[in-house]
Protein backbone atom coordinates (compact mmCIF):
# COMPACT_ATOMS: atom_id res chain seq x y z
CA MET A 1 16.77 -11.20 1.22
CA ILE A 2 14.79 -8.62 3.16
CA ASN A 3 16.37 -7.58 6.46
CA THR A 4 13.97 -5.59 8.65
CA HIS A 5 14.19 -4.77 12.34
CA LYS A 6 13.14 -1.89 14.51
CA SER A 7 13.42 -1.20 18.22
CA LEU A 8 12.51 2.37 19.14
CA ASP A 9 13.20 1.71 22.82
CA GLY A 10 16.78 0.76 22.06
CA LEU A 11 17.06 3.34 19.26
CA CYS A 12 18.23 0.58 16.95
CA ILE A 13 16.77 0.78 13.45
CA SER A 14 18.15 -1.54 10.79
CA PRO A 15 17.64 -0.74 7.10
CA VAL A 16 15.58 -2.81 4.71
CA VAL A 17 18.10 -4.63 2.52
CA ALA A 18 16.96 -6.34 -0.67
CA ASP A 19 18.21 -7.65 -4.01
CA SER A 20 15.33 -6.31 -6.09
CA ALA A 21 12.90 -3.40 -6.17
CA ASN A 22 10.02 -5.84 -5.67
CA GLN A 23 11.53 -7.04 -2.40
CA LEU A 24 12.68 -3.61 -1.23
CA ILE A 25 9.35 -1.85 -1.78
CA ARG A 26 7.40 -4.61 -0.04
CA GLY A 27 9.88 -4.57 2.84
CA LEU A 28 9.48 -0.81 3.26
CA ILE A 29 5.68 -1.05 3.04
CA SER A 30 5.87 -3.71 5.75
CA HIS A 31 7.93 -1.36 7.95
CA VAL A 32 5.38 1.44 7.61
CA ASP A 33 2.45 -0.92 8.09
CA LYS A 34 3.83 -2.60 11.23
CA TYR A 35 5.72 0.18 12.96
CA GLY A 36 4.25 3.42 11.60
CA GLU A 37 1.91 5.77 13.43
CA ASN A 38 -1.33 7.22 12.13
CA PHE A 39 -1.96 10.96 11.94
CA THR A 40 -4.71 13.09 10.45
CA GLU A 41 -3.97 15.89 7.99
CA PRO A 42 -4.72 19.31 9.60
CA ILE A 43 -7.48 21.66 8.48
CA ASN A 44 -5.13 23.93 6.51
CA SER A 45 -3.70 20.99 4.54
CA PRO A 46 -4.73 20.35 0.89
CA SER A 47 -5.74 16.85 2.08
CA SER A 48 -7.50 17.99 5.25
CA GLY A 49 -8.94 15.13 7.29
CA ARG A 50 -7.07 12.35 5.49
CA ILE A 51 -5.56 9.66 7.69
CA ASN A 52 -1.94 8.78 6.91
CA ARG A 53 0.34 6.14 8.37
CA GLU A 54 3.92 7.32 8.72
CA PHE A 55 7.29 5.91 9.71
CA LEU A 56 10.03 8.46 10.32
CA ASN A 57 13.65 8.14 9.22
CA ILE A 58 13.72 4.88 7.31
CA GLN A 59 16.45 3.49 5.06
CA GLY A 60 16.36 0.98 2.23
CA ILE A 61 19.31 -0.55 0.40
CA LEU A 62 18.97 -1.99 -3.10
CA LYS A 63 21.95 -4.25 -3.71
CA ASN A 64 21.22 -4.64 -7.42
CA PRO A 65 20.02 -1.26 -8.74
CA ARG A 66 19.40 -2.74 -12.20
CA ASP A 67 16.63 -4.91 -10.77
CA ARG A 68 14.44 -1.82 -10.56
CA LEU A 69 11.05 -2.89 -11.92
CA PHE A 70 8.13 -3.24 -9.53
CA PHE A 71 5.40 -5.74 -10.31
CA SER A 72 2.02 -6.56 -8.81
CA HIS A 73 -0.75 -8.67 -10.32
CA ILE A 74 -3.32 -7.62 -7.68
CA LYS A 75 -2.53 -3.91 -8.17
CA PRO A 76 -1.04 -3.65 -11.68
CA GLU A 77 -2.05 0.02 -11.96
CA ILE A 78 0.49 1.07 -9.30
CA PHE A 79 3.48 0.91 -11.65
CA ASN A 80 3.44 1.73 -15.36
CA PRO A 81 6.88 0.94 -16.91
CA ALA A 82 6.19 3.14 -19.94
CA LEU A 83 5.45 6.13 -17.71
CA ALA A 84 8.59 5.41 -15.66
CA VAL A 85 10.71 5.49 -18.82
CA ALA A 86 9.01 8.71 -20.00
CA LYS A 87 9.69 10.38 -16.64
CA PHE A 88 13.35 9.38 -16.78
CA PHE A 89 13.84 10.83 -20.26
CA TYR A 90 12.01 13.96 -19.10
CA LEU A 91 14.61 14.21 -16.32
CA LEU A 92 17.50 13.71 -18.76
CA SER A 93 16.11 16.42 -21.03
CA GLY A 94 16.50 18.97 -18.25
CA SER A 95 13.07 20.36 -19.10
CA ASN A 96 10.56 21.89 -16.72
CA GLN A 97 7.89 22.42 -19.40
CA LEU A 98 4.56 20.84 -18.47
CA GLU A 99 3.54 19.79 -21.97
CA ASN A 100 6.73 17.74 -22.42
CA ILE A 101 5.55 15.23 -19.82
CA ALA A 102 1.76 15.81 -19.67
CA PHE A 103 1.29 13.71 -22.83
CA TYR A 104 2.56 10.66 -20.89
CA SER A 105 1.28 11.49 -17.40
CA ASN A 106 -2.34 12.38 -16.74
CA GLY A 107 -1.46 13.53 -13.23
CA ALA A 108 1.27 15.97 -14.26
CA ARG A 109 -1.15 18.91 -14.49
CA LYS A 110 -1.72 18.75 -10.74
CA TYR A 111 1.89 19.86 -10.20
CA THR A 112 1.97 23.20 -11.94
CA ASP A 113 1.19 26.70 -10.73
CA ASP A 114 0.72 28.35 -14.11
CA ASN A 115 -0.08 25.50 -16.56
CA ILE A 116 3.27 26.18 -18.26
CA VAL A 117 6.10 24.82 -16.13
CA MET A 118 6.63 22.29 -13.34
CA PRO A 119 8.78 24.25 -10.89
CA GLY A 120 9.95 21.17 -9.01
CA SER A 121 11.27 19.37 -12.11
CA HIS A 122 14.20 17.16 -11.06
CA GLY A 123 15.97 17.39 -14.41
CA PHE A 124 15.78 21.16 -14.62
CA ARG A 125 17.24 21.50 -11.13
CA ILE A 126 20.02 19.01 -11.85
CA PHE A 127 21.11 20.29 -15.26
CA TYR A 128 20.06 23.97 -15.23
CA PRO A 129 19.63 25.20 -11.63
CA VAL A 130 21.23 28.56 -12.52
CA VAL A 131 22.81 29.93 -15.68
CA GLY A 132 26.19 28.34 -16.35
CA VAL A 133 25.83 25.56 -13.78
CA ASP A 134 25.40 21.88 -14.69
CA GLN A 135 25.47 19.79 -11.53
CA PHE A 136 25.63 16.53 -13.47
CA GLU A 137 28.76 17.48 -15.44
CA GLU A 138 30.46 18.87 -12.33
CA SER A 139 29.66 15.67 -10.43
CA ALA A 140 31.01 13.51 -13.26
CA TYR A 141 34.23 15.55 -13.24
CA LEU A 142 34.66 14.99 -9.49
CA ILE A 143 34.04 11.25 -9.83
CA ARG A 144 36.70 10.94 -12.54
CA GLU A 145 39.27 13.17 -10.86
CA GLN A 146 38.79 12.26 -7.17
CA LYS A 147 38.26 8.51 -6.87
CA SER A 148 36.92 8.69 -3.30
CA SER A 149 35.28 12.13 -3.30
CA LYS A 150 32.70 12.99 -0.63
CA ARG A 151 31.53 16.11 -2.47
CA VAL A 152 29.57 14.61 -5.36
CA THR A 153 26.10 15.95 -4.57
CA LEU A 154 23.17 16.91 -6.76
CA ALA A 155 21.21 19.51 -4.75
CA ILE A 156 17.55 19.36 -5.79
CA TYR A 157 15.61 20.89 -2.88
CA GLN A 158 16.49 24.60 -2.81
CA PRO A 159 16.41 27.12 0.10
CA ASN A 160 13.39 28.96 -1.28
CA ASP A 161 11.37 25.72 -1.42
CA CYS A 162 10.93 25.76 2.35
CA GLY A 163 8.48 28.67 2.40
CA ARG A 164 7.42 28.76 -1.24
CA LYS A 165 3.72 28.29 -2.00
CA SER A 166 3.47 25.88 -4.90
CA GLN A 167 1.83 22.69 -6.15
CA ASP A 168 5.24 21.23 -6.96
CA ILE A 169 7.73 21.12 -4.09
CA PRO A 170 10.36 18.38 -4.66
CA CYS A 171 10.20 15.46 -2.26
CA ILE A 172 13.83 14.60 -2.92
CA VAL A 173 16.43 16.74 -1.16
CA SER A 174 19.60 15.50 -2.82
CA LEU A 175 21.36 12.67 -4.63
CA ILE A 176 24.89 11.81 -3.55
CA PHE A 177 27.33 9.71 -5.57
CA SER A 178 30.08 7.97 -3.61
CA PRO A 179 32.91 6.42 -5.65
CA ARG A 180 34.40 3.74 -3.41
CA ASN A 181 36.68 0.80 -4.23
CA ASP A 182 36.05 1.16 -7.98
CA LYS A 183 32.26 1.16 -7.53
CA LEU A 184 29.79 4.04 -7.63
CA CYS A 185 27.29 3.95 -4.77
CA THR A 186 24.30 6.29 -4.83
CA THR A 187 22.30 7.74 -1.94
CA ALA A 188 18.96 9.50 -2.27
CA TYR A 189 17.82 11.71 0.63
CA MET A 190 14.09 12.43 0.62
CA ARG A 191 12.01 14.62 2.90
CA ALA A 192 8.90 12.53 2.11
CA ASN A 193 7.90 9.48 0.07
CA ASP A 194 4.62 7.71 -0.63
CA VAL A 195 5.74 4.11 -0.16
CA TYR A 196 2.68 2.65 -1.88
CA ARG A 197 2.28 4.66 -5.10
CA ILE A 198 5.36 6.83 -5.69
CA LEU A 199 8.36 4.90 -4.35
CA CYS A 200 8.37 2.50 -7.31
CA TYR A 201 8.79 5.43 -9.74
CA ASP A 202 11.45 7.14 -7.59
CA LEU A 203 13.50 3.94 -7.38
CA PHE A 204 13.31 3.52 -11.14
CA GLU A 205 14.24 7.14 -11.87
CA PHE A 206 17.11 7.47 -9.40
CA THR A 207 18.67 4.06 -10.10
CA MET A 208 18.51 4.82 -13.83
CA LEU A 209 20.30 8.12 -13.18
CA ALA A 210 22.86 6.25 -11.07
CA GLU A 211 23.46 3.77 -13.88
CA PHE A 212 23.73 6.62 -16.38
CA MET A 213 26.36 8.32 -14.21
CA SER A 214 28.14 4.99 -13.81
CA SER A 215 28.31 4.51 -17.56
CA TYR A 216 29.22 8.17 -18.17
CA THR A 217 32.17 8.08 -15.77
CA GLY A 218 33.28 4.50 -16.40
CA VAL A 219 32.88 3.48 -12.75
CA GLU A 220 31.08 0.22 -12.01
CA LEU A 221 27.58 0.59 -10.57
CA GLY A 222 27.38 -0.07 -6.81
CA HIS A 223 24.57 -0.27 -4.25
CA TYR A 224 21.69 2.19 -4.09
CA TYR A 225 20.65 3.71 -0.72
CA HIS A 226 17.22 5.30 -0.20
CA ILE A 227 16.80 7.38 2.98
CA VAL A 228 13.46 9.03 3.79
CA THR A 229 12.37 11.28 6.65
CA SER A 230 8.62 10.67 6.21
CA MET A 231 7.82 7.34 4.56
CA HIS A 232 4.06 7.02 4.51
CA LEU A 233 0.87 5.38 3.35
CA ARG A 234 -1.69 8.00 2.30
CA GLY A 235 -5.35 7.45 3.07
CA SER A 236 -7.32 4.64 4.68
CA ALA A 237 -7.65 2.71 1.40
CA ASP A 238 -3.88 2.38 0.93
CA ILE A 239 -3.41 1.60 4.62
CA SER A 240 -5.93 -1.27 4.42
CA ASP A 241 -4.52 -2.57 1.10
CA ALA A 242 -0.90 -2.58 2.27
CA PRO A 243 -0.93 -6.09 3.80
CA LYS A 244 -2.27 -7.54 0.53
CA LEU A 245 0.66 -6.10 -1.38
CA ILE A 246 3.17 -7.24 1.26
CA ASN A 247 1.94 -10.84 1.20
CA GLU A 248 1.52 -11.07 -2.57
CA ASP A 249 3.30 -14.08 -4.09
CA VAL A 250 5.05 -12.24 -6.90
CA VAL A 251 7.49 -15.07 -7.62
CA GLY A 252 4.73 -17.66 -7.85
CA HIS A 253 2.61 -15.47 -10.10
CA TRP A 254 5.64 -14.63 -12.24
CA CYS A 255 6.35 -18.36 -12.66
CA GLN A 256 2.72 -18.89 -13.71
CA LEU A 257 3.03 -16.11 -16.27
CA LYS A 258 6.27 -17.61 -17.59
CA LYS A 259 4.60 -21.02 -17.80
CA LYS A 260 1.65 -19.56 -19.70
CA ASP A 261 4.06 -17.71 -21.95
CA LEU A 262 5.96 -20.93 -22.69
CA ILE A 263 2.70 -22.75 -23.43
CA PHE A 264 1.61 -19.91 -25.72
CA LYS A 265 4.94 -19.95 -27.56
CA LYS A 266 4.82 -23.74 -27.89
CA GLU A 267 1.32 -23.54 -29.36
CA GLU A 268 2.41 -20.69 -31.63
CA ARG A 269 5.31 -22.80 -32.97
CA ARG A 270 2.95 -25.76 -33.52
CA LEU A 271 0.58 -23.58 -35.54
CA GLN A 272 3.47 -22.17 -37.55
CA ARG A 273 4.65 -25.72 -38.38
CA ARG A 274 1.14 -26.69 -39.49
CA LYS A 275 0.97 -23.58 -41.63
CA LYS A 276 4.30 -24.43 -43.26
CA VAL A 277 3.13 -28.01 -43.93
CA LYS A 278 -0.04 -26.71 -45.58
CA ILE A 279 1.99 -24.29 -47.72
CA ARG A 280 4.32 -27.10 -48.83
CA GLN A 281 1.37 -29.35 -49.64
CA SER A 282 -0.27 -26.56 -51.61
CA ASN A 283 2.96 -25.90 -53.52
CA LYS A 284 3.29 -29.59 -54.39
CA LYS A 285 -0.26 -29.64 -55.79
CA GLU A 286 0.52 -26.61 -57.91
CA ASP A 287 3.75 -28.21 -59.14
CA ARG A 288 1.92 -31.41 -60.13
CA ALA A 289 -0.74 -29.40 -61.92
CA VAL A 290 1.92 -27.51 -63.90
CA SER A 291 3.96 -30.61 -64.74
CA LYS A 292 0.93 -32.77 -65.75
CA PRO A 293 1.06 -33.30 -69.57
CA ARG A 294 -1.81 -31.78 -71.48
CA PRO A 295 -3.85 -34.15 -73.72
CA ARG A 296 -3.05 -33.91 -77.44
CA LYS A 297 -5.61 -32.48 -79.74
CA THR A 298 -6.91 -34.97 -82.38
């Protein structure tokens, strides 16, 4: 179920609550589309003149973090599951080397200052922010030792990021794990998020990390909370396409795909049975030919 409501006059903003990533992302896009405000990028911006639609301080709650795959048949290029998996393993590796992810992501080279490293790498900042510090291991220790700790925070955005000139400034500020009532809830705080093209990858990456921490610490996986200061649609094309994505009948299309898949499998089994029948018939002919008595020579 998607629960969306906003009343700026009454300062009452309810989060978007959903069971799946498909529902959550469409609910958040709907929020930005209906209630957001347009603004034009300033002259000194890398995207000068571009019109964006933005909704400030929005929250989404994914009740089942394992249902993390986004799907669209009208815009299938938005989410590539293989790339999402590659990005997650890149995070787990703790690497910030460009070439380790550039093989899988054509766009990775846009986020480097020297063609060697990606300075905003999430994994590097989580596992190796400074020598001798591993935020992940320290967080796991707190979760195991303090069953209701409020300190379990992975700090990703660093103080020097605020004024640093770079092509790769992290959009995520921090990830917080909250062990409560034998479940591990996760909250992502983001300074900015492209709801149309990037959110689907962020949800995949952060819920996978949450599940990894859950498994690592032995605490059952709980809800995932996604809080963003600037949730936005970038450019007039995405703004105009947003309603199409919101109204897309994903369930109906998925059912059609399943039906086609069942028909294909049924036909495949029928062809396999025919093939087996032909093989048996051929074997019988060969057996009769071998067993047929040869005429005696006179």
